[in-house]
Amino acid sequence: MSKFEISSKFSPSSDQARAIKEIVKSIKSGNKYQTLLGVTGSGKTFTMANVIRELNMPTLIMTHNKSLAAQLYSEFKGFFPKNHVEYFISYYDYYQPEAYIPRSDLYIEKDSSVNEELERLRLSATASLLSFDDVVCVASVSANYGLGNPSEYKGMVAYLSVGEKISQRKLLEQLVDMGYKRNDNYFDRGDFRVNGDVVDIYPAYYNDEALRVEFFGDEIDAMYHFDVLDNKRLKDISKFTLYATSQFIVGADRLKIAMKEIEEELDARLKEFNEQGKLV
């Protein structure tokens, strides 16, 4: 049985049904490349939604710009309301690269503005891909360049469960390593706060819910989601997987290696400059 459930009052037309059958058959036979042709409004997105349901596997949909990505995200979100449809595009509202204009001896420093909601959606996409099998991820081509190391990101995961033996201090240290910041006053995404035996965690990829972890000594006694606006208890849970606050997170081991390499390169360059009599 397919994990993908389409919500639509329409059924595929005869041409769409034939296209769905042929594409699914071709992919299952090992062909990597398929082409679906159709005029605007012929139902290509609906056809591909049915292909996804029949193939029953996580799907990455890539587009050449943000506008089309937003359109497809909205359409697939409507077709698969019970599945995990995610949105992964560049989180910059604008980006000004570093530049130098020799004619006027003008240096322009790098400047950018990050859209926090787009950043949350990117983190949500990453978390869903690591947690679920029923994922449809709509992404722009440019957003997939320059990402962090997937193995590093996978290594920065906290698996929490009720009854687990772990001290509160150990959990807090783990949260800091994952990029979370303590903020007992202004609780926002990517923050955690502590009140006695209670630790509140606001996952960087959540919208308006957070996680509350209650301790009894060095044991997790209870966990539940709560509304960050009115503090209302929403859903009790027994297990929770928490992901890091950034796709560019670096583990402690990798950080030590990088620092050592930087220091070695610094020593080599200093030696070179000193031998050349340059001022350093």
C-alpha atoms as a PDB file:
ATOM      1  CA  MET A   1       0.000   0.000   0.000  1.00  0.00           C
ATOM      2  CA  SER A   2       1.338   3.433  -0.956  1.00  0.00           C
ATOM      3  CA  LYS A   3       2.368   5.823   1.802  1.00  0.00           C
ATOM      4  CA  PHE A   4       1.309   8.708  -0.444  1.00  0.00           C
ATOM      5  CA  GLU A   5      -2.376   9.629  -0.407  1.00  0.00           C
ATOM      6  CA  ILE A   6      -3.678  12.016  -3.073  1.00  0.00           C
ATOM      7  CA  SER A   7      -6.458  14.395  -2.121  1.00  0.00           C
ATOM      8  CA  SER A   8      -8.390  15.378  -5.252  1.00  0.00           C
ATOM      9  CA  LYS A   9     -11.967  15.251  -6.486  1.00  0.00           C
ATOM     10  CA  PHE A  10     -10.673  14.417  -9.958  1.00  0.00           C
ATOM     11  CA  SER A  11      -9.426  11.154 -11.410  1.00  0.00           C
ATOM     12  CA  PRO A  12      -6.771  10.894 -14.141  1.00  0.00           C
ATOM     13  CA  SER A  13      -8.151  11.255 -17.665  1.00  0.00           C
ATOM     14  CA  SER A  14      -7.465   8.560 -20.253  1.00  0.00           C
ATOM     15  CA  ASP A  15      -4.318  10.323 -21.548  1.00  0.00           C
ATOM     16  CA  GLN A  16      -3.093  11.017 -18.013  1.00  0.00           C
ATOM     17  CA  ALA A  17      -3.739   7.433 -16.935  1.00  0.00           C
ATOM     18  CA  ARG A  18      -1.760   6.135 -19.907  1.00  0.00           C
ATOM     19  CA  ALA A  19       1.128   8.514 -19.169  1.00  0.00           C
ATOM     20  CA  ILE A  20       1.161   7.478 -15.499  1.00  0.00           C
ATOM     21  CA  LYS A  21       1.237   3.794 -16.401  1.00  0.00           C
ATOM     22  CA  GLU A  22       4.020   4.186 -18.975  1.00  0.00           C
ATOM     23  CA  ILE A  23       6.231   6.392 -16.776  1.00  0.00           C
ATOM     24  CA  VAL A  24       5.887   4.099 -13.759  1.00  0.00           C
ATOM     25  CA  LYS A  25       6.614   1.027 -15.883  1.00  0.00           C
ATOM     26  CA  SER A  26       9.651   2.681 -17.462  1.00  0.00           C
ATOM     27  CA  ILE A  27      11.124   3.768 -14.119  1.00  0.00           C
ATOM     28  CA  LYS A  28      10.578   0.348 -12.558  1.00  0.00           C
ATOM     29  CA  SER A  29      12.343  -1.256 -15.527  1.00  0.00           C
ATOM     30  CA  GLY A  30      15.457   0.788 -14.728  1.00  0.00           C
ATOM     31  CA  ASN A  31      15.216   3.776 -17.072  1.00  0.00           C
ATOM     32  CA  LYS A  32      16.535   6.872 -15.287  1.00  0.00           C
ATOM     33  CA  TYR A  33      15.277   9.545 -17.664  1.00  0.00           C
ATOM     34  CA  GLN A  34      11.665  10.215 -18.625  1.00  0.00           C
ATOM     35  CA  THR A  35      10.054  13.183 -20.357  1.00  0.00           C
ATOM     36  CA  LEU A  36       6.436  14.208 -19.861  1.00  0.00           C
ATOM     37  CA  LEU A  37       5.156  16.653 -22.479  1.00  0.00           C
ATOM     38  CA  GLY A  38       1.976  18.683 -22.270  1.00  0.00           C
ATOM     39  CA  VAL A  39       0.574  22.142 -22.882  1.00  0.00           C
ATOM     40  CA  THR A  40      -0.089  24.562 -20.035  1.00  0.00           C
ATOM     41  CA  GLY A  41      -3.084  23.419 -18.012  1.00  0.00           C
ATOM     42  CA  SER A  42      -3.013  19.817 -19.224  1.00  0.00           C
ATOM     43  CA  GLY A  43      -2.479  18.449 -15.715  1.00  0.00           C
ATOM     44  CA  LYS A  44       1.214  17.540 -15.740  1.00  0.00           C
ATOM     45  CA  THR A  45       1.564  18.221 -11.997  1.00  0.00           C
ATOM     46  CA  PHE A  46      -1.455  16.035 -11.220  1.00  0.00           C
ATOM     47  CA  THR A  47      -0.008  13.322 -13.451  1.00  0.00           C
ATOM     48  CA  MET A  48       3.318  13.424 -11.615  1.00  0.00           C
ATOM     49  CA  ALA A  49       1.521  13.334  -8.260  1.00  0.00           C
ATOM     50  CA  ASN A  50      -0.036  10.042  -9.341  1.00  0.00           C
ATOM     51  CA  VAL A  51       3.363   8.780 -10.505  1.00  0.00           C
ATOM     52  CA  ILE A  52       4.779   9.563  -7.054  1.00  0.00           C
ATOM     53  CA  ARG A  53       1.927   7.681  -5.410  1.00  0.00           C
ATOM     54  CA  GLU A  54       2.425   4.643  -7.650  1.00  0.00           C
ATOM     55  CA  LEU A  55       6.208   4.548  -7.181  1.00  0.00           C
ATOM     56  CA  ASN A  56       5.765   5.066  -3.427  1.00  0.00           C
ATOM     57  CA  MET A  57       9.178   6.603  -2.761  1.00  0.00           C
ATOM     58  CA  PRO A  58      10.579   9.953  -1.533  1.00  0.00           C
ATOM     59  CA  THR A  59      10.730  12.438  -4.393  1.00  0.00           C
ATOM     60  CA  LEU A  60      12.870  15.483  -5.157  1.00  0.00           C
ATOM     61  CA  ILE A  61      11.348  18.023  -7.546  1.00  0.00           C
ATOM     62  CA  MET A  62      13.849  20.572  -8.866  1.00  0.00           C
ATOM     63  CA  THR A  63      13.013  23.815 -10.652  1.00  0.00           C
ATOM     64  CA  HIS A  64      15.114  26.570 -12.186  1.00  0.00           C
ATOM     65  CA  ASN A  65      13.679  29.470 -10.162  1.00  0.00           C
ATOM     66  CA  LYS A  66      11.929  30.350  -6.907  1.00  0.00           C
ATOM     67  CA  SER A  67       8.639  31.385  -8.514  1.00  0.00           C
ATOM     68  CA  LEU A  68       8.015  28.002 -10.110  1.00  0.00           C
ATOM     69  CA  ALA A  69       9.198  26.263  -6.937  1.00  0.00           C
ATOM     70  CA  ALA A  70       6.605  28.177  -4.898  1.00  0.00           C
ATOM     71  CA  GLN A  71       3.859  27.271  -7.385  1.00  0.00           C
ATOM     72  CA  LEU A  72       4.748  23.571  -7.386  1.00  0.00           C
ATOM     73  CA  TYR A  73       5.086  23.506  -3.601  1.00  0.00           C
ATOM     74  CA  SER A  74       1.567  24.896  -3.247  1.00  0.00           C
ATOM     75  CA  GLU A  75       0.140  22.403  -5.748  1.00  0.00           C
ATOM     76  CA  PHE A  76       1.835  19.321  -4.288  1.00  0.00           C
ATOM     77  CA  LYS A  77       0.922  20.475  -0.783  1.00  0.00           C
ATOM     78  CA  GLY A  78      -2.691  20.407  -1.935  1.00  0.00           C
ATOM     79  CA  PHE A  79      -2.372  16.966  -3.528  1.00  0.00           C
ATOM     80  CA  PHE A  80      -0.604  15.409  -0.513  1.00  0.00           C
ATOM     81  CA  PRO A  81      -2.024  17.116   2.620  1.00  0.00           C
ATOM     82  CA  LYS A  82      -1.329  14.061   4.804  1.00  0.00           C
ATOM     83  CA  ASN A  83       2.257  13.605   3.645  1.00  0.00           C
ATOM     84  CA  HIS A  84       5.424  15.613   4.168  1.00  0.00           C
ATOM     85  CA  VAL A  85       5.666  18.108   1.312  1.00  0.00           C
ATOM     86  CA  GLU A  86       8.685  20.350   1.889  1.00  0.00           C
ATOM     87  CA  TYR A  87      10.158  23.511   0.377  1.00  0.00           C
ATOM     88  CA  PHE A  88      13.900  24.013  -0.122  1.00  0.00           C
ATOM     89  CA  ILE A  89      15.074  27.206  -1.817  1.00  0.00           C
ATOM     90  CA  SER A  90      17.706  29.837  -1.106  1.00  0.00           C
ATOM     91  CA  TYR A  91      16.991  31.642   2.167  1.00  0.00           C
ATOM     92  CA  TYR A  92      18.400  34.983   0.988  1.00  0.00           C
ATOM     93  CA  ASP A  93      16.039  37.887   0.375  1.00  0.00           C
ATOM     94  CA  TYR A  94      18.998  39.515  -1.326  1.00  0.00           C
ATOM     95  CA  TYR A  95      22.706  38.787  -1.629  1.00  0.00           C
ATOM     96  CA  GLN A  96      25.451  41.248  -2.545  1.00  0.00           C
ATOM     97  CA  PRO A  97      28.787  39.504  -3.160  1.00  0.00           C
ATOM     98  CA  GLU A  98      32.100  41.087  -2.301  1.00  0.00           C
ATOM     99  CA  ALA A  99      33.390  43.269  -5.145  1.00  0.00           C
ATOM    100  CA  TYR A 100      36.123  45.740  -6.073  1.00  0.00           C
ATOM    101  CA  ILE A 101      35.870  48.393  -8.806  1.00  0.00           C
ATOM    102  CA  PRO A 102      39.431  49.409  -9.841  1.00  0.00           C
ATOM    103  CA  ARG A 103      38.365  52.454 -11.881  1.00  0.00           C
ATOM    104  CA  SER A 104      36.963  54.235  -8.843  1.00  0.00           C
ATOM    105  CA  ASP A 105      39.032  52.341  -6.249  1.00  0.00           C
ATOM    106  CA  LEU A 106      35.752  51.290  -4.642  1.00  0.00           C
ATOM    107  CA  TYR A 107      35.450  48.256  -2.397  1.00  0.00           C
ATOM    108  CA  ILE A 108      31.964  46.817  -1.857  1.00  0.00           C
ATOM    109  CA  GLU A 109      31.711  44.470   1.088  1.00  0.00           C
ATOM    110  CA  LYS A 110      29.534  41.394   1.084  1.00  0.00           C
ATOM    111  CA  ASP A 111      26.003  41.976   2.326  1.00  0.00           C
ATOM    112  CA  SER A 112      22.931  39.788   2.588  1.00  0.00           C
ATOM    113  CA  SER A 113      19.553  39.414   4.236  1.00  0.00           C
ATOM    114  CA  VAL A 114      18.301  36.007   5.378  1.00  0.00           C
ATOM    115  CA  ASN A 115      14.597  35.199   5.355  1.00  0.00           C
ATOM    116  CA  GLU A 116      13.966  33.360   8.635  1.00  0.00           C
ATOM    117  CA  GLU A 117      10.826  31.604   7.375  1.00  0.00           C
ATOM    118  CA  LEU A 118      12.646  30.208   4.332  1.00  0.00           C
ATOM    119  CA  GLU A 119      15.460  29.074   6.600  1.00  0.00           C
ATOM    120  CA  ARG A 120      12.919  27.269   8.806  1.00  0.00           C
ATOM    121  CA  LEU A 121      11.395  25.568   5.761  1.00  0.00           C
ATOM    122  CA  ARG A 122      14.837  24.397   4.616  1.00  0.00           C
ATOM    123  CA  LEU A 123      15.552  22.884   8.026  1.00  0.00           C
ATOM    124  CA  SER A 124      12.093  21.309   8.043  1.00  0.00           C
ATOM    125  CA  ALA A 125      12.861  19.679   4.678  1.00  0.00           C
ATOM    126  CA  THR A 126      16.137  18.266   5.981  1.00  0.00           C
ATOM    127  CA  ALA A 127      14.505  16.934   9.147  1.00  0.00           C
ATOM    128  CA  SER A 128      11.671  15.291   7.180  1.00  0.00           C
ATOM    129  CA  LEU A 129      14.070  13.593   4.760  1.00  0.00           C
ATOM    130  CA  LEU A 130      15.923  12.044   7.699  1.00  0.00           C
ATOM    131  CA  SER A 131      12.766  11.080   9.601  1.00  0.00           C
ATOM    132  CA  PHE A 132      10.103   9.982   7.101  1.00  0.00           C
ATOM    133  CA  ASP A 133       9.662   7.975   3.901  1.00  0.00           C
ATOM    134  CA  ASP A 134       6.684   9.903   2.501  1.00  0.00           C
ATOM    135  CA  VAL A 135       8.532  13.095   1.529  1.00  0.00           C
ATOM    136  CA  VAL A 136       8.074  15.283  -1.537  1.00  0.00           C
ATOM    137  CA  CYS A 137      10.708  18.019  -1.559  1.00  0.00           C
ATOM    138  CA  VAL A 138      10.380  20.938  -3.980  1.00  0.00           C
ATOM    139  CA  ALA A 139      13.718  22.708  -4.451  1.00  0.00           C
ATOM    140  CA  SER A 140      15.407  25.257  -6.675  1.00  0.00           C
ATOM    141  CA  VAL A 141      18.603  24.175  -8.417  1.00  0.00           C
ATOM    142  CA  SER A 142      20.757  26.947  -6.934  1.00  0.00           C
ATOM    143  CA  ALA A 143      19.718  26.099  -3.355  1.00  0.00           C
ATOM    144  CA  ASN A 144      21.515  22.763  -3.547  1.00  0.00           C
ATOM    145  CA  TYR A 145      24.978  24.251  -4.052  1.00  0.00           C
ATOM    146  CA  GLY A 146      27.348  24.884  -1.164  1.00  0.00           C
ATOM    147  CA  LEU A 147      25.483  22.822   1.419  1.00  0.00           C
ATOM    148  CA  GLY A 148      27.187  21.364   4.455  1.00  0.00           C
ATOM    149  CA  ASN A 149      28.338  17.776   4.853  1.00  0.00           C
ATOM    150  CA  PRO A 150      25.294  15.449   5.231  1.00  0.00           C
ATOM    151  CA  SER A 151      27.246  13.045   7.450  1.00  0.00           C
ATOM    152  CA  GLU A 152      28.117  15.905   9.817  1.00  0.00           C
ATOM    153  CA  TYR A 153      24.458  16.919  10.016  1.00  0.00           C
ATOM    154  CA  LYS A 154      23.310  13.348  10.630  1.00  0.00           C
ATOM    155  CA  GLY A 155      25.846  13.067  13.424  1.00  0.00           C
ATOM    156  CA  MET A 156      24.395  16.077  15.246  1.00  0.00           C
ATOM    157  CA  VAL A 157      21.115  14.458  16.257  1.00  0.00           C
ATOM    158  CA  ALA A 158      19.620  14.006  19.720  1.00  0.00           C
ATOM    159  CA  TYR A 159      17.359  11.000  20.315  1.00  0.00           C
ATOM    160  CA  LEU A 160      15.231  11.636  23.395  1.00  0.00           C
ATOM    161  CA  SER A 161      12.836   9.212  25.058  1.00  0.00           C
ATOM    162  CA  VAL A 162      10.822   9.093  28.256  1.00  0.00           C
ATOM    163  CA  GLY A 163      12.616   6.991  30.868  1.00  0.00           C
ATOM    164  CA  GLU A 164      16.037   7.671  29.348  1.00  0.00           C
ATOM    165  CA  LYS A 165      18.883   8.053  31.821  1.00  0.00           C
ATOM    166  CA  ILE A 166      20.525  11.379  31.024  1.00  0.00           C
ATOM    167  CA  SER A 167      21.400  14.317  33.232  1.00  0.00           C
ATOM    168  CA  GLN A 168      19.961  17.725  32.498  1.00  0.00           C
ATOM    169  CA  ARG A 169      23.477  19.138  32.196  1.00  0.00           C
ATOM    170  CA  LYS A 170      24.391  16.514  29.595  1.00  0.00           C
ATOM    171  CA  LEU A 171      21.334  17.419  27.524  1.00  0.00           C
ATOM    172  CA  LEU A 172      22.134  21.135  27.716  1.00  0.00           C
ATOM    173  CA  GLU A 173      25.704  20.513  26.548  1.00  0.00           C
ATOM    174  CA  GLN A 174      24.358  18.472  23.652  1.00  0.00           C
ATOM    175  CA  LEU A 175      21.965  21.269  22.690  1.00  0.00           C
ATOM    176  CA  VAL A 176      24.808  23.797  22.600  1.00  0.00           C
ATOM    177  CA  ASP A 177      26.877  21.474  20.382  1.00  0.00           C
ATOM    178  CA  MET A 178      23.901  21.297  17.995  1.00  0.00           C
ATOM    179  CA  GLY A 179      23.764  25.081  17.675  1.00  0.00           C
ATOM    180  CA  TYR A 180      20.952  25.838  20.129  1.00  0.00           C
ATOM    181  CA  LYS A 181      21.305  28.905  22.361  1.00  0.00           C
ATOM    182  CA  ARG A 182      20.047  29.387  25.880  1.00  0.00           C
ATOM    183  CA  ASN A 183      17.543  32.212  26.131  1.00  0.00           C
ATOM    184  CA  ASP A 184      15.361  32.341  29.230  1.00  0.00           C
ATOM    185  CA  ASN A 185      13.810  35.700  28.322  1.00  0.00           C
ATOM    186  CA  TYR A 186      12.961  35.787  24.605  1.00  0.00           C
ATOM    187  CA  PHE A 187      12.139  32.236  23.486  1.00  0.00           C
ATOM    188  CA  ASP A 188      12.568  31.868  19.716  1.00  0.00           C
ATOM    189  CA  ARG A 189      13.375  29.164  17.169  1.00  0.00           C
ATOM    190  CA  GLY A 190      16.772  27.631  17.811  1.00  0.00           C
ATOM    191  CA  ASP A 191      16.626  28.495  21.532  1.00  0.00           C
ATOM    192  CA  PHE A 192      16.226  26.544  24.750  1.00  0.00           C
ATOM    193  CA  ARG A 193      15.374  27.671  28.265  1.00  0.00           C
ATOM    194  CA  VAL A 194      15.602  26.095  31.687  1.00  0.00           C
ATOM    195  CA  ASN A 195      13.249  26.392  34.646  1.00  0.00           C
ATOM    196  CA  GLY A 196      14.177  24.026  37.463  1.00  0.00           C
ATOM    197  CA  ASP A 197      13.760  20.446  36.246  1.00  0.00           C
ATOM    198  CA  VAL A 198      12.093  21.571  33.007  1.00  0.00           C
ATOM    199  CA  VAL A 199      13.893  22.213  29.709  1.00  0.00           C
ATOM    200  CA  ASP A 200      11.998  23.872  26.852  1.00  0.00           C
ATOM    201  CA  ILE A 201      13.438  23.413  23.356  1.00  0.00           C
ATOM    202  CA  TYR A 202      12.248  25.340  20.301  1.00  0.00           C
ATOM    203  CA  PRO A 203      13.348  23.234  17.285  1.00  0.00           C
ATOM    204  CA  ALA A 204      14.747  25.456  14.547  1.00  0.00           C
ATOM    205  CA  TYR A 205      12.427  23.834  11.983  1.00  0.00           C
ATOM    206  CA  TYR A 206       9.169  24.151  13.979  1.00  0.00           C
ATOM    207  CA  ASN A 207       6.628  26.896  13.434  1.00  0.00           C
ATOM    208  CA  ASP A 208       4.585  27.641  16.557  1.00  0.00           C
ATOM    209  CA  GLU A 209       5.184  24.571  18.719  1.00  0.00           C
ATOM    210  CA  ALA A 210       8.051  23.693  21.038  1.00  0.00           C
ATOM    211  CA  LEU A 211       9.155  20.692  23.074  1.00  0.00           C
ATOM    212  CA  ARG A 212       9.076  20.482  26.869  1.00  0.00           C
ATOM    213  CA  VAL A 213      11.288  17.926  28.610  1.00  0.00           C
ATOM    214  CA  GLU A 214      10.633  17.287  32.306  1.00  0.00           C
ATOM    215  CA  PHE A 215      13.313  15.638  34.427  1.00  0.00           C
ATOM    216  CA  PHE A 216      13.119  13.613  37.606  1.00  0.00           C
ATOM    217  CA  GLY A 217      16.690  13.477  38.807  1.00  0.00           C
ATOM    218  CA  ASP A 218      18.847  12.191  35.944  1.00  0.00           C
ATOM    219  CA  GLU A 219      15.929  10.692  34.038  1.00  0.00           C
ATOM    220  CA  ILE A 220      13.491  12.102  31.476  1.00  0.00           C
ATOM    221  CA  ASP A 221      10.134  11.864  33.230  1.00  0.00           C
ATOM    222  CA  ALA A 222       7.844  13.340  30.545  1.00  0.00           C
ATOM    223  CA  MET A 223       7.890  15.040  27.143  1.00  0.00           C
ATOM    224  CA  TYR A 224       5.204  16.926  25.273  1.00  0.00           C
ATOM    225  CA  HIS A 225       4.639  19.597  22.656  1.00  0.00           C
ATOM    226  CA  PHE A 226       3.235  22.944  23.739  1.00  0.00           C
ATOM    227  CA  ASP A 227       2.062  26.136  22.067  1.00  0.00           C
ATOM    228  CA  VAL A 228       4.756  28.806  22.374  1.00  0.00           C
ATOM    229  CA  LEU A 229       2.182  31.613  22.472  1.00  0.00           C
ATOM    230  CA  ASP A 230      -0.128  30.485  25.274  1.00  0.00           C
ATOM    231  CA  ASN A 231       1.991  27.674  26.788  1.00  0.00           C
ATOM    232  CA  LYS A 232      -0.895  25.233  26.249  1.00  0.00           C
ATOM    233  CA  ARG A 233       0.008  21.546  26.444  1.00  0.00           C
ATOM    234  CA  LEU A 234      -0.731  19.952  23.061  1.00  0.00           C
ATOM    235  CA  LYS A 235       0.480  16.364  22.726  1.00  0.00           C
ATOM    236  CA  ASP A 236       2.328  13.956  24.992  1.00  0.00           C
ATOM    237  CA  ILE A 237       5.117  12.006  23.296  1.00  0.00           C
ATOM    238  CA  SER A 238       7.382   9.174  24.385  1.00  0.00           C
ATOM    239  CA  LYS A 239      10.162   9.681  21.817  1.00  0.00           C
ATOM    240  CA  PHE A 240      11.545  12.646  19.929  1.00  0.00           C
ATOM    241  CA  THR A 241      14.340  13.168  17.405  1.00  0.00           C
ATOM    242  CA  LEU A 242      15.913  16.626  17.517  1.00  0.00           C
ATOM    243  CA  TYR A 243      18.028  17.963  14.654  1.00  0.00           C
ATOM    244  CA  ALA A 244      20.629  20.732  14.579  1.00  0.00           C
ATOM    245  CA  THR A 245      19.898  24.405  13.937  1.00  0.00           C
ATOM    246  CA  SER A 246      21.837  24.615  10.675  1.00  0.00           C
ATOM    247  CA  GLN A 247      22.813  22.502   7.674  1.00  0.00           C
ATOM    248  CA  PHE A 248      26.341  23.859   8.097  1.00  0.00           C
ATOM    249  CA  ILE A 249      26.861  22.476  11.595  1.00  0.00           C
ATOM    250  CA  VAL A 250      30.315  21.027  12.276  1.00  0.00           C
ATOM    251  CA  GLY A 251      31.085  18.357  14.854  1.00  0.00           C
ATOM    252  CA  ALA A 252      33.748  18.807  17.520  1.00  0.00           C
ATOM    253  CA  ASP A 253      36.108  16.262  15.915  1.00  0.00           C
ATOM    254  CA  ARG A 254      35.933  17.934  12.513  1.00  0.00           C
ATOM    255  CA  LEU A 255      36.385  21.348  14.135  1.00  0.00           C
ATOM    256  CA  LYS A 256      39.588  20.204  15.871  1.00  0.00           C
ATOM    257  CA  ILE A 257      40.979  18.879  12.584  1.00  0.00           C
ATOM    258  CA  ALA A 258      40.146  22.140  10.794  1.00  0.00           C
ATOM    259  CA  MET A 259      41.763  24.246  13.527  1.00  0.00           C
ATOM    260  CA  LYS A 260      44.920  22.123  13.409  1.00  0.00           C
ATOM    261  CA  GLU A 261      45.138  22.483   9.615  1.00  0.00           C
ATOM    262  CA  ILE A 262      44.666  26.262   9.880  1.00  0.00           C
ATOM    263  CA  GLU A 263      47.435  26.534  12.476  1.00  0.00           C
ATOM    264  CA  GLU A 264      49.790  24.423  10.346  1.00  0.00           C
ATOM    265  CA  GLU A 265      49.115  26.586   7.301  1.00  0.00           C
ATOM    266  CA  LEU A 266      49.635  29.721   9.407  1.00  0.00           C
ATOM    267  CA  ASP A 267      53.040  28.484  10.595  1.00  0.00           C
ATOM    268  CA  ALA A 268      54.077  27.682   7.020  1.00  0.00           C
ATOM    269  CA  ARG A 269      53.033  31.096   5.712  1.00  0.00           C
ATOM    270  CA  LEU A 270      54.704  32.952   8.588  1.00  0.00           C
ATOM    271  CA  LYS A 271      57.944  31.095   7.896  1.00  0.00           C
ATOM    272  CA  GLU A 272      57.701  31.979   4.203  1.00  0.00           C
ATOM    273  CA  PHE A 273      57.090  35.686   4.890  1.00  0.00           C
ATOM    274  CA  ASN A 274      59.894  35.871   7.458  1.00  0.00           C
ATOM    275  CA  GLU A 275      62.344  34.298   5.001  1.00  0.00           C
ATOM    276  CA  GLN A 276      61.347  36.942   2.440  1.00  0.00           C
ATOM    277  CA  GLY A 277      61.870  39.712   4.983  1.00  0.00           C
ATOM    278  CA  LYS A 278      58.250  40.828   4.855  1.00  0.00           C
ATOM    279  CA  LEU A 279      56.553  42.611   7.723  1.00  0.00           C
ATOM    280  CA  VAL A 280      54.134  40.327   9.530  1.00  0.00           C
END
